[in-house]
Protein backbone atom coordinates (compact mmCIF):
# COMPACT_ATOMS: atom_id res chain seq x y z
CA MET A 1 118.03 132.10 -71.37
CA ASN A 2 114.61 130.74 -70.53
CA ARG A 3 114.01 129.88 -74.14
CA HIS A 4 117.14 127.63 -74.23
CA ILE A 5 116.06 125.78 -70.98
CA PHE A 6 112.58 125.26 -72.36
CA ALA A 7 113.97 123.88 -75.66
CA LEU A 8 116.28 121.59 -73.82
CA GLN A 9 113.50 120.25 -71.65
CA GLN A 10 111.43 119.59 -74.78
CA VAL A 11 114.26 117.68 -76.41
CA ALA A 12 114.86 115.66 -73.20
CA ARG A 13 111.07 114.75 -72.93
CA ARG A 14 110.96 113.65 -76.58
CA THR A 15 114.19 111.57 -76.17
CA ILE A 16 113.04 109.89 -72.95
CA SER A 17 109.45 109.15 -74.12
CA SER A 18 110.33 107.86 -77.64
CA SER A 19 113.25 105.70 -76.63
CA ALA A 20 111.35 103.43 -74.26
CA PRO A 21 110.22 100.21 -75.94
CA ARG A 22 106.61 99.27 -75.72
CA GLN A 23 105.97 96.15 -73.77
CA VAL A 24 103.24 93.66 -74.12
CA ASN A 25 100.94 93.55 -71.02
CA LYS A 26 101.32 89.99 -69.72
CA VAL A 27 99.21 90.46 -66.63
CA PRO A 28 96.04 88.85 -67.92
CA GLU A 29 98.01 85.72 -68.92
CA LYS A 30 99.60 85.53 -65.47
CA GLN A 31 96.18 86.13 -63.70
CA LYS A 32 94.70 83.24 -65.77
CA LEU A 33 97.57 80.92 -64.86
CA PHE A 34 97.47 81.67 -61.09
CA GLN A 35 93.60 81.61 -60.86
CA GLU A 36 93.42 78.20 -62.53
CA ASP A 37 91.91 75.60 -60.14
CA ASN A 38 94.34 72.73 -60.75
CA GLY A 39 95.01 71.71 -57.12
CA MET A 40 98.47 73.24 -57.00
CA PRO A 41 99.49 75.66 -54.29
CA VAL A 42 99.82 79.22 -55.58
CA HIS A 43 103.53 79.31 -54.62
CA LEU A 44 104.35 76.47 -57.11
CA LYS A 45 102.14 77.66 -60.05
CA GLY A 46 105.04 79.58 -61.65
CA GLY A 47 106.75 76.46 -62.84
CA PRO A 48 110.10 74.68 -62.11
CA ALA A 49 111.85 77.92 -60.93
CA ASP A 50 109.22 78.37 -58.28
CA ALA A 51 109.64 74.81 -57.10
CA LEU A 52 113.39 75.23 -56.92
CA LEU A 53 113.17 78.42 -55.01
CA TYR A 54 110.56 76.84 -52.59
CA ARG A 55 112.77 73.78 -51.91
CA SER A 56 115.96 75.73 -51.52
CA THR A 57 114.17 78.12 -49.09
CA MET A 58 112.89 75.10 -47.10
CA VAL A 59 116.35 73.57 -46.92
CA LEU A 60 117.96 76.75 -45.80
CA THR A 61 115.26 77.22 -43.16
CA ILE A 62 115.75 73.68 -41.82
CA VAL A 63 119.56 74.00 -41.77
CA GLY A 64 119.37 77.40 -40.15
CA ALA A 65 116.91 76.11 -37.45
CA GLY A 66 119.22 73.15 -36.74
CA TYR A 67 122.23 75.47 -36.41
CA VAL A 68 120.36 77.69 -34.02
CA VAL A 69 119.46 74.70 -31.78
CA TYR A 70 122.99 73.44 -31.88
CA GLU A 71 124.42 76.85 -30.82
CA LEU A 72 121.74 77.04 -28.00
CA VAL A 73 122.62 73.68 -26.71
CA LYS A 74 126.38 74.50 -26.90
CA ALA A 75 125.78 77.77 -25.00
CA ALA A 76 123.60 75.92 -22.44
CA PHE A 77 126.24 73.31 -21.64
CA PRO A 78 129.61 75.00 -21.91
CA GLN A 79 132.72 72.84 -21.96
CA LYS A 80 134.86 72.95 -18.74
CA LYS A 81 138.52 73.91 -19.31
């Protein structure tokens, strides 16, 4: 019984370890990109996708803050029925 479990574990280990594709380490490239002194803020150095994410976050923040102020004013001055 123990022999079968051990054999099954060995097959599982071989299958899991050999099926994973080897990936190229891209960390040094990214470090070089983000440490480059080009006057850009670090949150925009990732390219157009970072710029789009930053701008959309700013728009959502401003809209959300405006909505909060609107609701506070509405709650502070309730309409009389």
